[in-house]
Amino acid sequence: MAASASITPGEAWVDAKLAAFGDWLQRHGGVIRTIQWIVVAIYLVLVAVPAFLPLPGRTAHLWNDLTVFAQFAFWGIWWPFVLVSMVVVGRAWCGILCPEGALTEFASRWSLGRAVPRWLSWGGWPFVAFAGTTVYGQMVSVYGYPKPVLAVLGGSTLAAIVIGLLYGRNKRVWCRYLCPVNGVFAVLAKLAPISFQVDHAAWAASPKPKGAAFNCAPLVPVKTMNGAGACHMCGRCSGYRGAVRLARRSPTHEIVHVAGNEPSLDQTTLILFGMMGLAVGAFQWSSSPWFIDAKQWLATWLIEHGTSWPLETTLPWFVLTNYPEHNDVLTLLDGVLLLAYIAATALVLGLSLSGLVALGTRALGAWSSRHFHHLTQTLIPVAGCGVFLGLSALTVTFLRGDGINLPYVSELRGGLLLGSSLWSTWLAWRVSGLYAAGLRRAAATLAIAAACGLSVFGWVLLFWIW
């Protein structure tokens, strides 16, 4: 956490204010807990109550119907802008506002205190949990109906409480290992221009304070922390041993200078196959003419061969969307094709993107898995932008349904995709420069630019062609 050789008075003022705010968080844990419980109360009402109300009628609007308001709150405001907050202020949502985090830590006060088992700390859970909740949400139309919201979000919250009661003590074991969005939040937080930073030399030189140390609920090894991906920004460690403080940094710093020293197959898989592959398929399938063509072809083939039951069989709402009163029912054939479409999109895009990153890696010289993982990290801006645009499309849809048309939506989407692609390409240029120069550096950067183009193409299909 070395200071810059020369900073302006304005930068010094910002540094002082950030450090002071970090210390304020450390001293006012009670205020943060109060805020958390307010959010918990709002969250529980929005998740639970609409599930027991009649489905909204045609005259329902977000300002006169709790169910419609809850849908808009969760999928139009809450989730898309939580993603934005990760890029702006790191994982402050997790440490200060997240209801699941607050509930699992509260439950762990009475935990059995069991050690975290090896299966639970498996590094692949972020991808599996993200993929599972995303796909299941599409199967049950979680964005459109309150009962699936209770099943998905309520089920996740219940699981968080159970994990809190079983493992650790006063910890957030659920958040650290099993939260479905933990992986996405961790990669996006690497872009944040502020973070809690550790002066390792000062830590080593200072005597250990008398009394109890701070409690890092998400189990972050603060002493050796170099990045912001795992930190929940709660401030409990601020000022500890005179070595931890909230500070500004370049949004490129962690990707360029830290990520290469912490190669992660799990994050690479999440970025390439999850955020840039599976998420695209999940948002695309209902609008895709390819999906419709495949369904028509397969339905015709089945009928010609005397098999019609896949076109007629439906399943309960908690397995496949089943709301006949709203003319919204998925048959078994729909469900199978939905799963196939999302899986195919994840594989095709994931493998194609991996191939482009591999070409970039090879352009730098001899093959290195470290370089491969490092170059993949440069795709975080465009990957995060795509997920945000997919979720914010729901914002636009909800508002249009109530007669509110946002201006310049198409232009904003195009600008965000272009800007995030340029950001990723710039990061690729910076990272490639650590390993090669000249034509090799340019070729590696070009490969990442091509990967950005492929990712953008998927969203262009959704927003402008289909």
Protein backbone atom coordinates (compact mmCIF):
# COMPACT_ATOMS: atom_id res chain seq x y z
CA MET A 1 0.00 0.00 0.00
CA ALA A 2 2.75 2.37 -0.94
CA ALA A 3 1.92 6.05 -1.29
CA SER A 4 2.32 7.75 -4.62
CA ALA A 5 5.53 9.70 -5.11
CA SER A 6 3.57 12.88 -5.78
CA ILE A 7 -0.12 13.56 -5.25
CA THR A 8 -2.12 16.72 -5.66
CA PRO A 9 -3.84 18.45 -2.73
CA GLY A 10 -7.17 17.28 -4.10
CA GLU A 11 -6.01 13.68 -4.17
CA ALA A 12 -4.64 14.01 -0.64
CA TRP A 13 -8.02 15.33 0.51
CA VAL A 14 -9.82 12.39 -1.11
CA ASP A 15 -7.36 9.95 0.47
CA ALA A 16 -7.94 11.45 3.92
CA LYS A 17 -11.74 11.37 3.53
CA LEU A 18 -11.74 7.75 2.33
CA ALA A 19 -9.52 6.63 5.21
CA ALA A 20 -11.72 8.52 7.67
CA PHE A 21 -14.86 6.92 6.23
CA GLY A 22 -13.29 3.48 6.57
CA ASP A 23 -12.55 4.23 10.21
CA TRP A 24 -16.13 5.47 10.66
CA LEU A 25 -17.41 2.12 9.41
CA GLN A 26 -15.14 0.39 11.91
CA ARG A 27 -16.47 2.46 14.83
CA HIS A 28 -20.16 2.35 13.91
CA GLY A 29 -20.88 -1.32 13.49
CA GLY A 30 -24.16 -0.85 15.33
CA VAL A 31 -25.41 1.62 12.73
CA ILE A 32 -24.53 -0.83 9.97
CA ARG A 33 -26.41 -3.63 11.74
CA THR A 34 -29.48 -1.39 12.01
CA ILE A 35 -29.32 -0.66 8.29
CA GLN A 36 -28.97 -4.36 7.58
CA TRP A 37 -32.06 -5.25 9.59
CA ILE A 38 -34.09 -2.58 7.81
CA VAL A 39 -33.03 -4.09 4.48
CA VAL A 40 -33.82 -7.59 5.80
CA ALA A 41 -37.34 -6.50 6.73
CA ILE A 42 -37.96 -4.92 3.30
CA TYR A 43 -36.47 -7.96 1.56
CA LEU A 44 -38.62 -10.47 3.45
CA VAL A 45 -41.80 -8.53 2.71
CA LEU A 46 -41.00 -8.26 -1.01
CA VAL A 47 -40.02 -11.94 -1.27
CA ALA A 48 -42.71 -13.56 0.86
CA VAL A 49 -45.91 -11.50 0.75
CA PRO A 50 -46.51 -11.40 -3.05
CA ALA A 51 -46.33 -15.21 -3.22
CA PHE A 52 -49.57 -15.40 -1.21
CA LEU A 53 -51.45 -12.73 -3.14
CA PRO A 54 -53.50 -13.23 -6.32
CA LEU A 55 -51.56 -12.73 -9.52
CA PRO A 56 -51.78 -9.15 -10.81
CA GLY A 57 -54.56 -8.28 -13.22
CA ARG A 58 -54.31 -6.18 -16.37
CA THR A 59 -54.89 -2.97 -14.44
CA ALA A 60 -52.04 -3.60 -12.00
CA HIS A 61 -49.11 -1.17 -11.99
CA LEU A 62 -45.95 -0.93 -9.96
CA TRP A 63 -47.45 1.96 -7.96
CA ASN A 64 -50.72 0.20 -7.02
CA ASP A 65 -49.86 -3.50 -6.78
CA LEU A 66 -47.33 -4.99 -4.35
CA THR A 67 -46.53 -7.94 -6.61
CA VAL A 68 -45.71 -5.77 -9.60
CA PHE A 69 -43.74 -3.40 -7.40
CA ALA A 70 -41.76 -6.30 -5.91
CA GLN A 71 -40.94 -7.64 -9.38
CA PHE A 72 -39.73 -4.23 -10.49
CA ALA A 73 -37.81 -3.69 -7.25
CA PHE A 74 -35.94 -7.00 -7.49
CA TRP A 75 -35.34 -7.40 -11.21
CA GLY A 76 -35.58 -3.82 -12.45
CA ILE A 77 -33.64 -1.99 -9.74
CA TRP A 78 -32.14 -4.24 -7.10
CA TRP A 79 -30.06 -6.76 -9.06
CA PRO A 80 -28.88 -4.68 -12.04
CA PHE A 81 -27.69 -1.83 -9.87
CA VAL A 82 -26.13 -4.08 -7.26
CA LEU A 83 -23.91 -5.22 -10.14
CA VAL A 84 -23.09 -1.58 -10.93
CA SER A 85 -22.22 -0.97 -7.28
CA MET A 86 -19.58 -3.71 -7.42
CA VAL A 87 -17.70 -1.78 -10.10
CA VAL A 88 -18.11 1.56 -8.27
CA VAL A 89 -17.60 0.79 -4.57
CA GLY A 90 -16.55 -2.86 -4.48
CA ARG A 91 -18.55 -5.32 -2.42
CA ALA A 92 -20.00 -2.69 -0.08
CA TRP A 93 -23.43 -4.18 -0.82
CA CYS A 94 -22.26 -7.47 0.68
CA GLY A 95 -20.81 -5.95 3.84
CA ILE A 96 -23.36 -3.24 4.56
CA LEU A 97 -26.70 -4.04 2.89
CA CYS A 98 -27.04 -7.69 1.84
CA PRO A 99 -29.91 -9.37 3.73
CA GLU A 100 -28.60 -12.90 3.19
CA GLY A 101 -25.19 -11.92 4.55
CA ALA A 102 -26.76 -10.33 7.62
CA LEU A 103 -29.01 -13.32 8.27
CA THR A 104 -26.33 -15.98 7.86
CA GLU A 105 -23.96 -14.09 10.17
CA PHE A 106 -26.75 -13.56 12.71
CA ALA A 107 -27.62 -17.26 12.61
CA SER A 108 -23.98 -18.20 13.10
CA ARG A 109 -24.03 -16.62 16.56
CA TRP A 110 -25.74 -19.84 17.61
CA SER A 111 -23.82 -22.03 15.20
CA LEU A 112 -22.76 -25.55 16.02
CA GLY A 113 -19.32 -24.24 15.14
CA ARG A 114 -18.37 -27.09 12.86
CA ALA A 115 -15.26 -26.74 10.73
CA VAL A 116 -15.89 -25.95 7.08
CA PRO A 117 -15.78 -29.31 5.25
CA ARG A 118 -13.71 -29.79 2.13
CA TRP A 119 -16.73 -30.25 -0.14
CA LEU A 120 -18.15 -26.90 0.92
CA SER A 121 -14.96 -24.98 0.17
CA TRP A 122 -14.67 -26.44 -3.35
CA GLY A 123 -13.66 -23.68 -5.74
CA GLY A 124 -16.20 -24.64 -8.38
CA TRP A 125 -19.25 -23.62 -6.35
CA PRO A 126 -19.40 -20.02 -7.65
CA PHE A 127 -19.91 -21.28 -11.21
CA VAL A 128 -22.23 -24.14 -10.26
CA ALA A 129 -24.37 -21.93 -8.02
CA PHE A 130 -24.53 -19.15 -10.62
CA ALA A 131 -25.42 -21.57 -13.41
CA GLY A 132 -27.95 -23.47 -11.33
CA THR A 133 -29.89 -20.45 -10.11
CA THR A 134 -29.77 -18.78 -13.54
CA VAL A 135 -31.10 -21.84 -15.39
CA TYR A 136 -33.70 -22.70 -12.76
CA GLY A 137 -34.88 -19.10 -12.77
CA GLN A 138 -35.52 -19.35 -16.50
CA MET A 139 -37.35 -22.66 -16.13
CA VAL A 140 -39.83 -21.24 -13.61
CA SER A 141 -40.00 -17.66 -15.02
CA VAL A 142 -38.61 -16.10 -11.87
CA TYR A 143 -38.75 -12.62 -13.38
CA GLY A 144 -42.48 -12.76 -13.97
CA TYR A 145 -44.12 -14.53 -11.02
CA PRO A 146 -43.88 -14.22 -7.21
CA LYS A 147 -43.87 -17.91 -6.26
CA PRO A 148 -40.64 -18.63 -8.18
CA VAL A 149 -39.12 -15.58 -6.47
CA LEU A 150 -39.95 -17.13 -3.11
CA ALA A 151 -38.54 -20.46 -4.28
CA VAL A 152 -35.28 -19.03 -5.66
CA LEU A 153 -34.49 -16.11 -3.36
CA GLY A 154 -36.29 -17.49 -0.33
CA GLY A 155 -34.65 -20.87 -0.82
CA SER A 156 -31.25 -19.25 -1.09
CA THR A 157 -31.87 -17.24 2.08
CA LEU A 158 -33.02 -20.32 3.99
CA ALA A 159 -29.91 -22.20 2.86
CA ALA A 160 -27.75 -19.28 4.02
CA ILE A 161 -29.33 -19.44 7.48
CA VAL A 162 -28.87 -23.22 7.70
CA ILE A 163 -25.19 -22.92 6.73
CA GLY A 164 -24.80 -20.21 9.37
CA LEU A 165 -26.26 -22.50 12.01
CA LEU A 166 -23.93 -25.36 11.10
CA TYR A 167 -20.50 -23.91 10.31
CA GLY A 168 -18.22 -21.30 11.82
CA ARG A 169 -19.11 -18.86 14.58
CA ASN A 170 -20.05 -15.26 13.81
CA LYS A 171 -18.96 -15.89 10.22
CA ARG A 172 -20.42 -15.73 6.73
CA VAL A 173 -19.48 -19.17 5.47
CA TRP A 174 -22.39 -19.07 3.00
CA CYS A 175 -21.14 -15.82 1.48
CA ARG A 176 -17.57 -17.04 1.26
CA TYR A 177 -18.29 -20.30 -0.54
CA LEU A 178 -21.88 -20.90 -1.67
CA CYS A 179 -23.64 -17.62 -2.49
CA PRO A 180 -24.86 -17.89 -6.12
CA VAL A 181 -23.56 -14.43 -7.00
CA ASN A 182 -20.35 -14.55 -4.96
CA GLY A 183 -18.23 -15.35 -8.00
CA VAL A 184 -19.74 -12.61 -10.17
CA PHE A 185 -19.38 -10.06 -7.39
CA ALA A 186 -15.77 -11.11 -6.78
CA VAL A 187 -14.69 -10.55 -10.39
CA LEU A 188 -16.58 -7.26 -10.81
CA ALA A 189 -15.17 -5.83 -7.57
CA LYS A 190 -11.70 -6.06 -9.11
CA LEU A 191 -12.60 -3.01 -11.18
CA ALA A 192 -13.64 -0.81 -8.24
CA PRO A 193 -11.66 2.45 -7.86
CA ILE A 194 -11.73 2.17 -4.06
CA SER A 195 -10.93 -0.73 -1.77
CA PHE A 196 -9.57 -1.61 1.64
CA GLN A 197 -5.84 -1.96 1.14
CA VAL A 198 -3.18 -3.53 3.31
CA ASP A 199 0.33 -2.19 3.89
CA HIS A 200 2.06 -5.52 4.43
CA ALA A 201 5.29 -3.94 5.63
CA ALA A 202 3.45 -1.86 8.23
CA TRP A 203 1.53 -4.94 9.36
CA ALA A 204 4.74 -6.89 9.85
CA ALA A 205 6.47 -4.02 11.64
CA SER A 206 3.66 -3.21 14.09
CA PRO A 207 3.16 -5.12 17.35
CA LYS A 208 0.01 -7.17 17.64
CA PRO A 209 -2.64 -5.08 19.43
CA LYS A 210 -3.73 -6.17 22.87
CA GLY A 211 -7.25 -7.53 23.12
CA ALA A 212 -9.42 -9.25 20.57
CA ALA A 213 -8.68 -8.84 16.88
CA PHE A 214 -11.40 -7.78 14.46
CA ASN A 215 -13.85 -10.37 13.16
CA CYS A 216 -13.65 -10.77 9.39
CA ALA A 217 -17.00 -12.43 8.82
CA PRO A 218 -16.41 -13.47 5.17
CA LEU A 219 -13.19 -15.25 6.16
CA VAL A 220 -10.82 -13.07 4.15
CA PRO A 221 -7.11 -13.51 5.04
CA VAL A 222 -6.66 -9.77 5.50
CA LYS A 223 -2.98 -10.06 6.42
CA THR A 224 -2.14 -11.30 2.92
CA MET A 225 -4.97 -9.57 1.01
CA ASN A 226 -3.87 -7.94 -2.24
CA GLY A 227 -7.15 -7.44 -4.10
CA ALA A 228 -10.77 -6.50 -3.53
CA GLY A 229 -12.53 -9.60 -4.87
CA ALA A 230 -13.24 -11.25 -1.52
CA CYS A 231 -13.47 -8.16 0.73
CA HIS A 232 -16.99 -7.19 1.80
CA MET A 233 -16.04 -3.57 2.52
CA CYS A 234 -17.60 -3.70 6.00
CA GLY A 235 -14.77 -1.67 7.54
CA ARG A 236 -14.19 -3.88 10.58
CA CYS A 237 -10.49 -4.14 9.81
CA SER A 238 -9.96 -0.43 9.08
CA GLY A 239 -6.94 0.96 10.92
CA TYR A 240 -5.87 -2.43 12.28
CA ARG A 241 -2.17 -2.35 13.18
CA GLY A 242 -1.96 0.92 11.29
CA ALA A 243 -1.84 -1.14 8.09
CA VAL A 244 -5.39 -1.30 6.71
CA ARG A 245 -7.26 1.63 5.22
CA LEU A 246 -9.88 2.49 2.66
CA ALA A 247 -8.09 4.05 -0.30
CA ARG A 248 -8.47 4.90 -3.96
CA ARG A 249 -6.71 3.02 -6.72
CA SER A 250 -6.72 2.80 -10.50
CA PRO A 251 -9.64 0.72 -11.85
CA THR A 252 -7.05 -1.13 -13.91
CA HIS A 253 -4.70 -1.87 -11.02
CA GLU A 254 -5.99 -5.21 -9.77
CA ILE A 255 -6.51 -6.76 -13.21
CA VAL A 256 -3.08 -5.69 -14.44
CA HIS A 257 -0.91 -6.06 -11.35
CA VAL A 258 -2.64 -8.55 -9.03
CA ALA A 259 -4.73 -10.98 -11.08
CA GLY A 260 -1.70 -12.48 -12.82
CA ASN A 261 -0.29 -13.59 -9.48
CA GLU A 262 -3.53 -15.27 -8.48
CA PRO A 263 -4.50 -17.47 -11.47
CA SER A 264 -7.89 -19.09 -10.98
CA LEU A 265 -9.43 -21.75 -13.18
CA ASP A 266 -12.71 -21.26 -11.32
CA GLN A 267 -12.90 -17.55 -12.19
CA THR A 268 -11.80 -18.23 -15.75
CA THR A 269 -14.62 -20.74 -16.16
CA LEU A 270 -17.13 -18.36 -14.60
CA ILE A 271 -16.13 -15.50 -16.91
CA LEU A 272 -15.92 -17.42 -20.19
CA PHE A 273 -18.64 -20.04 -19.79
CA GLY A 274 -20.85 -18.35 -17.18
CA MET A 275 -21.03 -14.58 -17.56
CA MET A 276 -20.18 -14.54 -21.28
CA GLY A 277 -21.83 -17.81 -22.28
CA LEU A 278 -24.60 -19.20 -20.12
CA ALA A 279 -25.97 -15.75 -19.21
CA VAL A 280 -26.33 -14.86 -22.89
CA GLY A 281 -28.32 -18.03 -23.55
CA ALA A 282 -30.52 -17.42 -20.51
CA PHE A 283 -31.49 -13.95 -21.69
CA GLN A 284 -31.68 -14.89 -25.38
CA TRP A 285 -33.73 -18.06 -25.61
CA SER A 286 -37.22 -16.56 -25.32
CA SER A 287 -36.50 -14.10 -28.15
CA SER A 288 -34.40 -16.34 -30.36
CA PRO A 289 -35.80 -17.39 -33.76
CA TRP A 290 -33.37 -20.32 -33.55
CA PHE A 291 -35.22 -21.57 -30.49
CA ILE A 292 -38.58 -21.25 -32.28
CA ASP A 293 -37.27 -22.98 -35.41
CA ALA A 294 -35.84 -25.84 -33.36
CA LYS A 295 -39.11 -26.23 -31.47
CA GLN A 296 -41.18 -26.30 -34.66
CA TRP A 297 -38.88 -28.78 -36.34
CA LEU A 298 -38.77 -31.12 -33.35
CA ALA A 299 -42.53 -30.86 -32.76
CA THR A 300 -43.19 -31.75 -36.40
CA TRP A 301 -40.79 -34.68 -36.22
CA LEU A 302 -42.41 -36.00 -33.03
CA ILE A 303 -45.93 -35.77 -34.47
CA GLU A 304 -44.87 -37.45 -37.69
CA HIS A 305 -43.53 -40.33 -35.59
CA GLY A 306 -46.70 -40.62 -33.54
CA THR A 307 -45.33 -39.09 -30.35
CA SER A 308 -47.22 -36.11 -28.99
CA TRP A 309 -46.87 -36.40 -25.22
CA PRO A 310 -43.79 -34.10 -24.96
CA LEU A 311 -45.91 -31.35 -26.56
CA GLU A 312 -48.75 -31.89 -24.09
CA THR A 313 -47.03 -32.75 -20.82
CA THR A 314 -46.70 -29.95 -18.29
CA LEU A 315 -45.06 -29.94 -14.88
CA PRO A 316 -45.79 -28.08 -11.61
CA TRP A 317 -44.88 -24.36 -11.52
CA PHE A 318 -41.85 -25.05 -9.33
CA VAL A 319 -40.33 -27.21 -12.08
CA LEU A 320 -41.52 -25.51 -15.28
CA THR A 321 -43.59 -22.38 -15.81
CA ASN A 322 -47.26 -23.34 -15.51
CA TYR A 323 -49.75 -20.47 -15.36
CA PRO A 324 -52.60 -21.39 -17.76
CA GLU A 325 -54.75 -18.53 -16.46
CA HIS A 326 -52.13 -16.18 -17.95
CA ASN A 327 -51.61 -18.30 -21.07
CA ASP A 328 -48.06 -18.92 -19.92
CA VAL A 329 -47.22 -22.61 -19.85
CA LEU A 330 -44.02 -24.42 -20.77
CA THR A 331 -44.43 -28.00 -21.98
CA LEU A 332 -41.87 -30.72 -21.46
CA LEU A 333 -40.60 -30.06 -24.98
CA ASP A 334 -40.17 -26.36 -24.15
CA GLY A 335 -38.23 -27.23 -21.02
CA VAL A 336 -35.89 -29.63 -22.76
CA LEU A 337 -35.20 -27.15 -25.56
CA LEU A 338 -34.70 -24.33 -23.05
CA LEU A 339 -32.03 -26.35 -21.27
CA ALA A 340 -30.47 -27.39 -24.57
CA TYR A 341 -30.38 -23.81 -25.88
CA ILE A 342 -28.73 -22.39 -22.76
CA ALA A 343 -26.24 -25.29 -22.58
CA ALA A 344 -25.39 -25.00 -26.28
CA THR A 345 -24.91 -21.24 -26.01
CA ALA A 346 -22.67 -21.65 -22.97
CA LEU A 347 -20.55 -24.29 -24.72
CA VAL A 348 -20.31 -22.59 -28.11
CA LEU A 349 -19.51 -19.16 -26.74
CA GLY A 350 -17.36 -20.48 -23.90
CA LEU A 351 -15.23 -22.65 -26.16
CA SER A 352 -14.99 -19.96 -28.84
CA LEU A 353 -13.95 -17.33 -26.32
CA SER A 354 -11.48 -19.76 -24.76
CA GLY A 355 -10.00 -20.36 -28.20
CA LEU A 356 -9.52 -16.64 -28.79
CA VAL A 357 -7.92 -16.17 -25.38
CA ALA A 358 -5.70 -19.17 -26.11
CA LEU A 359 -4.62 -17.56 -29.39
CA GLY A 360 -3.77 -14.41 -27.49
CA THR A 361 -1.82 -16.42 -24.93
CA ARG A 362 0.13 -18.23 -27.62
CA ALA A 363 0.88 -14.93 -29.36
CA LEU A 364 2.76 -13.84 -26.24
CA GLY A 365 5.23 -16.72 -26.65
CA ALA A 366 5.44 -20.19 -25.15
CA TRP A 367 2.18 -21.47 -23.72
CA SER A 368 1.50 -20.43 -20.14
CA SER A 369 -1.67 -21.21 -18.21
CA ARG A 370 -0.89 -18.22 -16.01
CA HIS A 371 -0.96 -15.92 -19.04
CA PHE A 372 -4.21 -17.54 -20.20
CA HIS A 373 -5.93 -16.89 -16.88
CA HIS A 374 -4.52 -13.37 -16.73
CA LEU A 375 -5.76 -12.47 -20.21
CA THR A 376 -9.19 -13.87 -19.35
CA GLN A 377 -9.41 -11.38 -16.49
CA THR A 378 -9.20 -8.53 -18.99
CA LEU A 379 -12.64 -9.58 -20.27
CA ILE A 380 -14.32 -8.73 -16.97
CA PRO A 381 -15.60 -5.29 -18.11
CA VAL A 382 -17.38 -6.60 -21.20
CA ALA A 383 -18.61 -9.70 -19.34
CA GLY A 384 -20.06 -7.59 -16.54
CA CYS A 385 -21.61 -5.15 -18.99
CA GLY A 386 -23.44 -7.97 -20.75
CA VAL A 387 -24.96 -9.32 -17.53
CA PHE A 388 -26.00 -5.80 -16.52
CA LEU A 389 -27.64 -5.16 -19.89
CA GLY A 390 -29.50 -8.46 -19.69
CA LEU A 391 -30.92 -7.57 -16.28
CA SER A 392 -31.57 -3.93 -17.13
CA ALA A 393 -33.62 -5.07 -20.13
CA LEU A 394 -36.12 -6.15 -17.48
CA THR A 395 -36.05 -2.60 -16.10
CA VAL A 396 -37.01 -1.27 -19.52
CA THR A 397 -39.69 -3.94 -19.96
CA PHE A 398 -41.32 -3.25 -16.60
CA LEU A 399 -41.39 0.49 -17.20
CA ARG A 400 -42.76 0.14 -20.72
CA GLY A 401 -45.49 -2.09 -19.35
CA ASP A 402 -46.57 0.86 -17.21
CA GLY A 403 -46.37 3.31 -20.09
CA ILE A 404 -42.99 4.78 -19.14
CA ASN A 405 -40.64 4.88 -22.11
CA LEU A 406 -37.03 5.65 -21.29
CA PRO A 407 -35.27 7.75 -23.96
CA TYR A 408 -32.09 6.71 -25.78
CA VAL A 409 -32.14 3.13 -24.47
CA SER A 410 -30.66 1.73 -27.69
CA GLU A 411 -27.94 4.37 -27.77
CA LEU A 412 -27.05 3.76 -24.12
CA ARG A 413 -26.80 0.03 -24.68
CA GLY A 414 -24.55 0.56 -27.67
CA GLY A 415 -22.38 3.01 -25.76
CA LEU A 416 -21.99 0.65 -22.81
CA LEU A 417 -21.05 -2.28 -25.03
CA LEU A 418 -18.54 -0.17 -26.94
CA GLY A 419 -17.10 1.39 -23.80
CA SER A 420 -16.73 -1.91 -21.95
CA SER A 421 -15.13 -3.51 -25.03
CA LEU A 422 -12.60 -0.69 -25.26
CA TRP A 423 -11.93 -1.03 -21.53
CA SER A 424 -11.29 -4.76 -21.90
CA THR A 425 -9.06 -4.16 -24.92
CA TRP A 426 -7.08 -1.54 -23.00
CA LEU A 427 -6.65 -3.96 -20.11
CA ALA A 428 -5.46 -6.60 -22.59
CA TRP A 429 -2.89 -4.14 -23.95
CA ARG A 430 -1.64 -3.42 -20.44
CA VAL A 431 -1.51 -7.08 -19.41
CA SER A 432 0.12 -8.19 -22.68
CA GLY A 433 2.78 -5.57 -22.14
CA LEU A 434 3.89 -7.40 -19.01
CA TYR A 435 4.84 -10.47 -21.05
CA ALA A 436 5.76 -9.31 -24.55
CA ALA A 437 6.29 -6.30 -26.78
CA GLY A 438 5.81 -5.22 -30.36
CA LEU A 439 3.85 -7.52 -32.67
CA ARG A 440 3.35 -10.18 -30.01
CA ARG A 441 1.74 -7.68 -27.69
CA ALA A 442 -0.44 -6.32 -30.49
CA ALA A 443 -1.51 -9.82 -31.58
CA ALA A 444 -2.52 -10.79 -28.05
CA THR A 445 -4.51 -7.59 -27.67
CA LEU A 446 -6.19 -8.18 -31.02
CA ALA A 447 -7.27 -11.66 -29.89
CA ILE A 448 -8.94 -10.20 -26.80
CA ALA A 449 -10.57 -7.50 -28.94
CA ALA A 450 -11.99 -10.30 -31.11
CA ALA A 451 -13.33 -12.01 -27.98
CA CYS A 452 -15.02 -8.73 -27.03
CA GLY A 453 -16.54 -8.55 -30.50
CA LEU A 454 -17.91 -12.08 -30.21
CA SER A 455 -19.44 -11.30 -26.82
CA VAL A 456 -20.99 -8.07 -28.11
CA PHE A 457 -22.45 -9.92 -31.10
CA GLY A 458 -24.61 -12.04 -28.80
CA TRP A 459 -26.15 -8.92 -27.30
CA VAL A 460 -26.51 -7.26 -30.71
CA LEU A 461 -28.64 -10.22 -31.79
CA LEU A 462 -30.87 -9.82 -28.75
CA PHE A 463 -31.27 -6.05 -28.72
CA TRP A 464 -31.08 -5.00 -32.37
CA ILE A 465 -31.66 -7.96 -34.72
CA TRP A 466 -34.21 -10.22 -33.03
